[in-house]
Each structure stands twice: as C-alpha cells, then as structure tokens.
Amino acid sequence: MLTKVRKYWNKSLHDAKVAKRPISTKGFFDDLADYHFGKLGYMRKFADFGSYKGKKVLEIGCGMGVDLLRFAENGAIVTGIDIADRPLEMAKRNFSLHRQKGAFMAMNGEDLKFKDNSFDAVFMQGVLQYTPNPSRMVSGAHRVLKKGGILLLTVYNKYSWLNLVSKASGVALEHSDAPVYRKFTFNEVKELLKNFSQVELKGERFPVATKLHSGIKADIYNSIFIRVFSLIPKKMVSPFGWHITARAIK
C-alpha cells in the first residue's frame, strides 16, 4: 500500500494546476501560496506561524513546503518529511528560492525516525486522510513531541457541506482517487487524540471561488452557491466545515 501511496503523490503535486507561472520557479511557489492561503482563509490564524521562533517544528507530509516555509520565515527551526520524493525535492527548491533553511527527509509518517521529545510542534495539514493507519501516525507525533508541545492537524469532515455539493454536482472531490482516502467525524478525531492533555477542535474551510474547475457548474457555484452560503450564520455551519482542525497539547 505504501508503494501505491508514494507513487500517487509523486505523480499528483497538490494544487500545482492553479499556478500560472512555470513550475519550480519562485513565481510558481508564490502562486501556490496565494491560492493555498486564499482557499484556507483560517490557516494563518490556526497555524500561528509567528509563535514558533527558535522552536523546533516538524511537518509530517510537507509536500512542496508551502506551510513549512511560513514557519521558517518566522524563525522556526524546521524539518519536513514526506513519503514521496518529488514533492520533497520541490520543497527544497521552494526553500532555496526563498533563502530559507530547513531539513528535509524522505520518511513514512507512520514510522518516524526521530528520538522521543524532539520537537516543540508537529504540523499535519491534510495528511491523516491519506495514510493507511492514522492512529499510528498520531501516536508517533505524540512520541516525538516534547512535554507541552503542540500538535496542529487538519482532516476532512465526514459531514461537510462539500460532500453534499460533490454529490449534487457529480464533481468528484479532489484526490478522492488516492490509494487511501477517508473522512473523519469530530468524535473520531477526539479518539485519535485521546492521549493528549488538551484538545480543541473546530470546523473550518467554507466555500470560496473554485479555480480548479470551470464551466456552468463552476459558474453556478461561484456566483450563486457561495453567496447564499455566506448568509448562513457561522455558528450554524461550523460543524459542517470541510476541514476539522485540531490543536492538541501533549
């Protein structure tokens, strides 16, 4: 299974299609970042990149390093791992072009090769839903965190507005063809994090204009659905965000 997962993510560079500038250029990575933080409007506040200056931060499933770069730019000592070689090489390129330092390693997030109590924070953005054994990955993150260290993670919500949109429109969810693809309930995330002393969960990621799709369905989504959805009070829709975010303290 891990071979299939590695092969898929070597082939499928996340969000690469939205970049307007040539691949591997500084502009390419800047396009990815603009799209990423535009789509995930909650991410800067959730990750709180500026809070880890001088701290050791590990990202499991770092991809092309879009989030990890922000930790580094704010003074964190960063390490990024990924099971796939291609996005890892892209992450190194991203850091080099932005003149930032980081350590990068090809590694299975379910089998971390770090000593106990090594990191002040572990960041996992959209990774657990694609790994064969999520509980093993979370246990590893718990082990390598220092006492009082913070785990930040996001996963797909099983009961999200986006699931309904996908079914109604017949448009498949991004990466739903991955070898491993799952969604979680809030209770399932709580169970995964049961060994942490404090856990805070929230529903996030609400409708924004799509750049991955075009045509009449995309036009209706962008011009009508988003406008109607925005009229619903945030408190009512929060449990149905596409992402469940978790901030857990060891």
Protein backbone atom coordinates (compact mmCIF):
# COMPACT_ATOMS: atom_id res chain seq x y z
CA MET A 1 0.00 0.00 0.00
CA LEU A 2 2.77 2.46 0.89
CA THR A 3 4.27 1.96 -2.57
CA LYS A 4 0.94 2.93 -4.13
CA VAL A 5 0.66 5.97 -1.86
CA ARG A 6 4.19 7.09 -2.74
CA LYS A 7 3.58 6.61 -6.46
CA TYR A 8 0.33 8.59 -6.35
CA TRP A 9 1.83 11.61 -4.57
CA ASN A 10 4.90 11.61 -6.79
CA LYS A 11 2.50 11.97 -9.70
CA SER A 12 -0.05 14.32 -8.11
CA LEU A 13 1.57 17.55 -6.99
CA HIS A 14 -1.09 19.18 -4.80
CA ASP A 15 -2.57 22.40 -6.25
CA ALA A 16 0.10 22.60 -8.99
CA LYS A 17 -2.59 23.14 -11.64
CA VAL A 18 -3.55 26.55 -10.25
CA ALA A 19 -0.07 28.06 -10.62
CA LYS A 20 0.19 30.44 -13.57
CA ARG A 21 3.96 30.68 -13.67
CA PRO A 22 6.47 27.97 -14.76
CA ILE A 23 6.95 25.03 -12.44
CA SER A 24 9.85 25.17 -9.98
CA THR A 25 10.24 28.95 -10.31
CA LYS A 26 9.84 31.32 -7.38
CA GLY A 27 6.69 32.65 -9.04
CA PHE A 28 5.28 29.11 -9.21
CA PHE A 29 5.68 28.63 -5.46
CA ASP A 30 4.29 32.10 -4.77
CA ASP A 31 1.23 31.24 -6.88
CA LEU A 32 0.74 28.08 -4.82
CA ALA A 33 0.96 30.05 -1.59
CA ASP A 34 -1.51 32.70 -2.77
CA TYR A 35 -4.01 30.01 -3.72
CA HIS A 36 -3.41 27.95 -0.59
CA PHE A 37 -3.92 30.77 1.89
CA GLY A 38 -6.78 32.22 -0.13
CA LYS A 39 -8.60 28.89 -0.10
CA LEU A 40 -7.75 28.17 3.53
CA GLY A 41 -8.60 31.54 4.99
CA TYR A 42 -8.32 30.16 8.52
CA MET A 43 -4.79 28.76 8.16
CA ARG A 44 -2.65 31.73 9.21
CA LYS A 45 -4.59 32.15 12.45
CA PHE A 46 -4.76 28.40 13.10
CA ALA A 47 -1.07 27.69 12.46
CA ASP A 48 0.04 30.95 14.13
CA PHE A 49 3.33 30.76 12.23
CA GLY A 50 4.92 33.58 14.23
CA SER A 51 4.65 31.78 17.57
CA TYR A 52 7.48 29.31 16.98
CA LYS A 53 10.58 31.49 16.64
CA GLY A 54 13.57 29.44 17.78
CA LYS A 55 11.34 26.39 18.26
CA LYS A 56 11.73 23.04 16.52
CA VAL A 57 8.82 22.34 14.17
CA LEU A 58 8.20 19.09 12.28
CA GLU A 59 5.78 18.88 9.39
CA ILE A 60 4.61 15.38 8.51
CA GLY A 61 3.62 15.27 4.84
CA CYS A 62 5.20 18.61 4.00
CA GLY A 63 4.52 18.36 0.26
CA MET A 64 6.10 21.32 -1.54
CA GLY A 65 6.68 23.17 1.71
CA VAL A 66 4.06 25.91 1.38
CA ASP A 67 3.14 25.94 5.08
CA LEU A 68 6.55 24.92 6.40
CA LEU A 69 8.16 27.89 4.65
CA ARG A 70 5.99 30.25 6.73
CA PHE A 71 7.25 28.68 9.95
CA ALA A 72 10.84 29.10 8.71
CA GLU A 73 10.29 32.70 7.63
CA ASN A 74 9.13 33.43 11.17
CA GLY A 75 12.25 31.98 12.76
CA ALA A 76 11.34 28.37 13.49
CA ILE A 77 13.87 25.55 13.11
CA VAL A 78 12.00 23.36 10.66
CA THR A 79 12.08 19.76 9.48
CA GLY A 80 9.86 18.46 6.71
CA ILE A 81 9.21 14.83 5.87
CA ASP A 82 7.20 13.26 3.08
CA ILE A 83 6.71 9.75 1.79
CA ALA A 84 7.03 10.95 -1.82
CA ASP A 85 10.36 12.10 -3.27
CA ARG A 86 9.12 14.53 -5.92
CA PRO A 87 7.23 16.97 -3.67
CA LEU A 88 10.12 16.76 -1.21
CA GLU A 89 12.56 17.92 -3.89
CA MET A 90 10.12 20.70 -4.77
CA ALA A 91 10.05 21.76 -1.11
CA LYS A 92 13.84 22.01 -1.08
CA ARG A 93 13.66 24.16 -4.20
CA ASN A 94 10.96 26.33 -2.64
CA PHE A 95 13.12 26.97 0.42
CA SER A 96 16.22 27.65 -1.66
CA LEU A 97 14.45 30.22 -3.84
CA HIS A 98 13.12 31.98 -0.74
CA ARG A 99 16.52 31.80 1.00
CA GLN A 100 15.27 29.83 3.97
CA LYS A 101 16.82 26.88 5.79
CA GLY A 102 15.12 23.59 6.50
CA ALA A 103 15.91 19.90 6.88
CA PHE A 104 14.07 17.55 4.53
CA MET A 105 13.84 13.77 4.65
CA ALA A 106 12.01 11.05 2.76
CA MET A 107 10.18 9.24 5.55
CA ASN A 108 6.97 7.39 6.29
CA GLY A 109 4.93 9.49 8.71
CA GLU A 110 3.72 6.31 10.40
CA ASP A 111 7.30 5.32 11.24
CA LEU A 112 9.10 8.43 12.47
CA LYS A 113 12.88 8.06 12.84
CA PHE A 114 13.27 10.76 15.47
CA LYS A 115 14.06 10.48 19.18
CA ASP A 116 11.38 10.95 21.81
CA ASN A 117 10.66 14.54 22.86
CA SER A 118 12.45 16.06 19.85
CA PHE A 119 10.05 18.79 18.69
CA ASP A 120 8.13 21.72 20.11
CA ALA A 121 5.41 21.41 17.49
CA VAL A 122 4.22 18.91 14.90
CA PHE A 123 2.14 20.13 11.96
CA MET A 124 0.00 17.81 9.81
CA GLN A 125 -2.14 19.64 7.29
CA GLY A 126 -4.39 17.31 5.29
CA VAL A 127 -2.28 14.18 5.77
CA LEU A 128 -4.14 11.76 8.05
CA GLN A 129 -6.88 11.16 5.48
CA TYR A 130 -4.35 9.69 3.06
CA THR A 131 -2.38 7.37 5.34
CA PRO A 132 -3.22 3.67 5.94
CA ASN A 133 -3.01 3.87 9.74
CA PRO A 134 -3.91 7.33 11.12
CA SER A 135 -3.66 6.26 14.78
CA ARG A 136 -0.09 5.13 14.26
CA MET A 137 0.83 8.49 12.74
CA VAL A 138 -0.76 10.39 15.63
CA SER A 139 0.99 8.15 18.17
CA GLY A 140 4.31 8.86 16.51
CA ALA A 141 3.65 12.58 16.58
CA HIS A 142 2.82 12.34 20.29
CA ARG A 143 6.06 10.46 20.97
CA VAL A 144 8.37 12.96 19.25
CA LEU A 145 6.69 15.99 20.84
CA LYS A 146 8.18 17.49 23.96
CA LYS A 147 6.05 17.74 27.08
CA GLY A 148 3.75 20.70 26.50
CA GLY A 149 4.41 20.51 22.76
CA ILE A 150 1.65 21.27 20.28
CA LEU A 151 0.15 19.12 17.54
CA LEU A 152 -1.68 21.00 14.80
CA LEU A 153 -3.63 18.93 12.30
CA THR A 154 -6.46 19.14 9.81
CA VAL A 155 -8.57 16.35 8.30
CA TYR A 156 -11.61 16.08 6.04
CA ASN A 157 -15.00 16.24 7.73
CA LYS A 158 -17.31 13.30 7.02
CA TYR A 159 -20.38 15.52 7.41
CA SER A 160 -19.31 18.54 5.40
CA TRP A 161 -21.15 20.90 3.06
CA LEU A 162 -18.65 19.95 0.35
CA ASN A 163 -19.75 16.31 0.38
CA LEU A 164 -23.29 17.44 -0.50
CA VAL A 165 -22.05 19.75 -3.25
CA SER A 166 -19.96 16.94 -4.72
CA LYS A 167 -22.89 14.52 -4.77
CA ALA A 168 -25.34 17.08 -6.17
CA SER A 169 -22.99 18.28 -8.91
CA GLY A 170 -21.42 14.96 -9.79
CA VAL A 171 -17.97 16.54 -9.45
CA ALA A 172 -15.51 14.29 -7.62
CA LEU A 173 -13.67 15.65 -4.61
CA GLU A 174 -10.01 16.44 -5.14
CA HIS A 175 -7.71 13.44 -4.57
CA SER A 176 -10.65 11.11 -3.93
CA ASP A 177 -8.82 8.73 -6.30
CA ALA A 178 -5.86 8.43 -3.92
CA PRO A 179 -4.95 4.89 -2.76
CA VAL A 180 -6.09 5.81 0.76
CA TYR A 181 -8.84 8.41 1.20
CA ARG A 182 -11.02 8.85 4.25
CA LYS A 183 -13.08 11.40 6.14
CA PHE A 184 -13.49 11.76 9.88
CA THR A 185 -16.16 12.74 12.39
CA PHE A 186 -15.38 15.05 15.30
CA ASN A 187 -15.66 12.08 17.68
CA GLU A 188 -13.20 10.04 15.63
CA VAL A 189 -10.67 12.87 15.79
CA LYS A 190 -11.18 13.12 19.56
CA GLU A 191 -10.49 9.40 19.86
CA LEU A 192 -7.27 9.73 17.84
CA LEU A 193 -6.08 12.47 20.19
CA LYS A 194 -7.11 10.81 23.47
CA ASN A 195 -3.53 10.69 24.79
CA PHE A 196 -3.09 14.47 24.62
CA SER A 197 -3.78 16.56 27.72
CA GLN A 198 -5.76 19.29 25.94
CA VAL A 199 -7.63 19.15 22.62
CA GLU A 200 -9.50 21.88 20.76
CA LEU A 201 -11.49 21.02 17.62
CA LYS A 202 -13.16 23.35 15.13
CA GLY A 203 -14.93 23.15 11.79
CA GLU A 204 -13.24 25.26 9.11
CA ARG A 205 -12.90 25.65 5.32
CA PHE A 206 -16.09 27.11 3.93
CA PRO A 207 -16.97 27.90 0.29
CA VAL A 208 -14.57 30.05 -1.75
CA ALA A 209 -14.48 30.52 -5.51
CA THR A 210 -13.07 27.48 -7.30
CA LYS A 211 -10.06 27.80 -9.57
CA LEU A 212 -9.71 24.09 -10.24
CA HIS A 213 -12.99 23.75 -12.14
CA SER A 214 -14.66 25.65 -14.98
CA GLY A 215 -17.93 25.56 -16.94
CA ILE A 216 -21.55 26.12 -15.98
CA LYS A 217 -21.36 24.12 -12.73
CA ALA A 218 -18.40 26.17 -11.56
CA ASP A 219 -20.17 29.39 -12.56
CA ILE A 220 -23.27 28.47 -10.53
CA TYR A 221 -21.10 27.50 -7.58
CA ASN A 222 -19.06 30.72 -7.71
CA SER A 223 -21.88 33.17 -8.40
CA ILE A 224 -24.85 31.69 -6.51
CA PHE A 225 -23.93 28.97 -4.02
CA ILE A 226 -21.14 30.89 -2.29
CA ARG A 227 -23.33 33.98 -1.97
CA VAL A 228 -26.24 32.03 -0.45
CA PHE A 229 -23.98 30.04 1.87
CA SER A 230 -22.38 33.23 3.20
CA LEU A 231 -25.78 34.36 4.51
CA ILE A 232 -25.96 31.45 6.97
CA PRO A 233 -24.65 32.33 10.47
CA LYS A 234 -21.15 30.91 11.07
CA LYS A 235 -22.27 29.25 14.29
CA MET A 236 -24.78 27.13 12.37
CA VAL A 237 -22.40 25.95 9.67
CA SER A 238 -19.27 25.48 11.78
CA PRO A 239 -19.87 21.74 12.43
CA PHE A 240 -20.09 21.21 8.67
CA GLY A 241 -16.81 22.80 7.57
CA TRP A 242 -14.86 20.75 5.04
CA HIS A 243 -11.93 20.64 7.44
CA ILE A 244 -11.82 19.63 11.07
CA THR A 245 -8.91 21.40 12.74
CA ALA A 246 -7.29 20.16 15.91
CA ARG A 247 -4.90 21.84 18.31
CA ALA A 248 -3.66 19.34 20.87
CA ILE A 249 -1.17 19.77 23.70
CA LYS A 250 0.94 16.86 24.95
